[in-house]
Amino acid sequence: HFNLQIGGFKKPYIVTEDSSKPSNATITKDDLKKATDFGKKAFKAGKKSAPAADTNFMHFLESFGSQPVGFSIPLLKAFNDGWHKSNLAEPHQGETWN
């Protein structure tokens, strides 16, 4: 159990040892697609590009159980990729680049 700092507010976040994936889990292409989809959904919901602030995504990461440091980096990158690609695809009226 630890506190997760989000936007200046501490929020309790409970990490359990109970996991649907073994401790030697690998990240599959399907896992990366799910992470990308979480990012897309976060953008569409008006959330910031901050994977740690997305409760559903954090529960998805938790499903991998205890893993070595750095294990989740590809999943975090996939979330951000989905969020930013959705942002780029969205028309932004009145914005100019000059």
Protein backbone atom coordinates (compact mmCIF):
# COMPACT_ATOMS: atom_id res chain seq x y z
CA HIS A 1 0.00 0.00 0.00
CA PHE A 2 1.36 3.42 -0.90
CA ASN A 3 0.17 6.92 -1.70
CA LEU A 4 0.13 7.99 -5.32
CA GLN A 5 0.76 11.71 -5.83
CA ILE A 6 -1.61 13.11 -8.47
CA GLY A 7 -1.86 16.81 -9.13
CA GLY A 8 -0.85 17.80 -5.61
CA PHE A 9 -3.28 15.37 -3.97
CA LYS A 10 -2.25 12.11 -2.39
CA LYS A 11 -4.51 9.25 -3.29
CA PRO A 12 -4.21 5.84 -1.64
CA TYR A 13 -3.33 3.19 -4.17
CA ILE A 14 -3.31 -0.40 -3.00
CA VAL A 15 -1.00 -2.86 -4.69
CA THR A 16 -1.97 -6.45 -4.15
CA GLU A 17 0.10 -9.55 -4.68
CA ASP A 18 -2.89 -11.31 -6.22
CA SER A 19 -2.35 -11.16 -9.96
CA SER A 20 -3.74 -12.75 -13.09
CA LYS A 21 -0.24 -12.86 -14.64
CA PRO A 22 2.80 -14.69 -13.26
CA SER A 23 5.75 -12.76 -11.87
CA ASN A 24 7.73 -13.68 -14.99
CA ALA A 25 5.06 -12.23 -17.30
CA THR A 26 5.90 -10.93 -20.74
CA ILE A 27 4.23 -8.09 -22.60
CA THR A 28 2.36 -9.28 -25.68
CA LYS A 29 1.24 -7.33 -28.76
CA ASP A 30 -2.29 -7.59 -27.38
CA ASP A 31 -1.11 -5.97 -24.11
CA LEU A 32 0.46 -3.11 -26.07
CA LYS A 33 -2.76 -2.66 -28.06
CA LYS A 34 -4.77 -2.54 -24.83
CA ALA A 35 -2.40 0.09 -23.41
CA THR A 36 -2.73 2.14 -26.61
CA ASP A 37 -6.52 1.86 -26.39
CA PHE A 38 -6.41 3.10 -22.77
CA GLY A 39 -4.55 6.18 -24.03
CA LYS A 40 -7.09 6.78 -26.80
CA LYS A 41 -9.98 6.45 -24.35
CA ALA A 42 -8.27 8.82 -21.91
CA PHE A 43 -7.93 11.46 -24.63
CA LYS A 44 -11.54 11.08 -25.71
CA ALA A 45 -12.62 11.42 -22.07
CA GLY A 46 -10.71 14.70 -21.76
CA LYS A 47 -8.06 13.30 -19.44
CA LYS A 48 -4.43 14.43 -19.45
CA SER A 49 -1.66 12.37 -21.01
CA ALA A 50 -0.69 10.94 -17.63
CA PRO A 51 -0.99 7.16 -17.41
CA ALA A 52 -0.59 7.17 -13.61
CA ALA A 53 -3.69 9.37 -13.30
CA ASP A 54 -5.85 6.85 -15.19
CA THR A 55 -7.27 4.45 -12.61
CA ASN A 56 -8.33 1.86 -15.18
CA PHE A 57 -4.88 1.82 -16.77
CA MET A 58 -3.24 1.48 -13.35
CA HIS A 59 -5.43 -1.55 -12.63
CA PHE A 60 -4.35 -2.98 -15.99
CA LEU A 61 -0.68 -2.53 -14.98
CA GLU A 62 -1.43 -4.10 -11.61
CA SER A 63 -2.64 -7.24 -13.40
CA PHE A 64 0.99 -8.00 -14.32
CA GLY A 65 1.89 -8.46 -10.66
CA SER A 66 5.29 -7.69 -9.23
CA GLN A 67 7.78 -7.17 -12.06
CA PRO A 68 11.35 -5.86 -12.37
CA VAL A 69 11.97 -2.13 -12.51
CA GLY A 70 11.31 -0.84 -16.04
CA PHE A 71 8.96 -3.69 -17.01
CA SER A 72 6.01 -1.34 -17.60
CA ILE A 73 7.88 1.21 -19.75
CA PRO A 74 6.62 -0.22 -23.10
CA LEU A 75 3.05 -0.14 -21.74
CA LEU A 76 3.42 3.46 -20.53
CA LYS A 77 4.82 4.45 -23.92
CA ALA A 78 1.93 2.70 -25.68
CA PHE A 79 -0.60 4.60 -23.52
CA ASN A 80 1.08 7.91 -24.40
CA ASP A 81 1.29 6.93 -28.08
CA GLY A 82 -2.46 6.28 -28.16
CA TRP A 83 -3.22 9.55 -26.36
CA HIS A 84 -0.97 11.71 -28.57
CA LYS A 85 -2.05 10.10 -31.86
CA SER A 86 -5.67 10.74 -30.89
CA ASN A 87 -4.77 14.34 -30.06
CA LEU A 88 -3.05 14.83 -33.42
CA ALA A 89 -6.01 13.33 -35.30
CA GLU A 90 -8.49 15.63 -33.56
CA PRO A 91 -9.34 18.82 -35.46
CA HIS A 92 -8.45 21.93 -33.45
CA GLN A 93 -10.44 24.92 -34.68
CA GLY A 94 -8.84 28.35 -34.52
CA GLU A 95 -5.31 27.11 -33.89
CA THR A 96 -2.50 28.25 -36.16
CA TRP A 97 1.18 27.37 -36.30
CA ASN A 98 2.53 30.80 -37.24
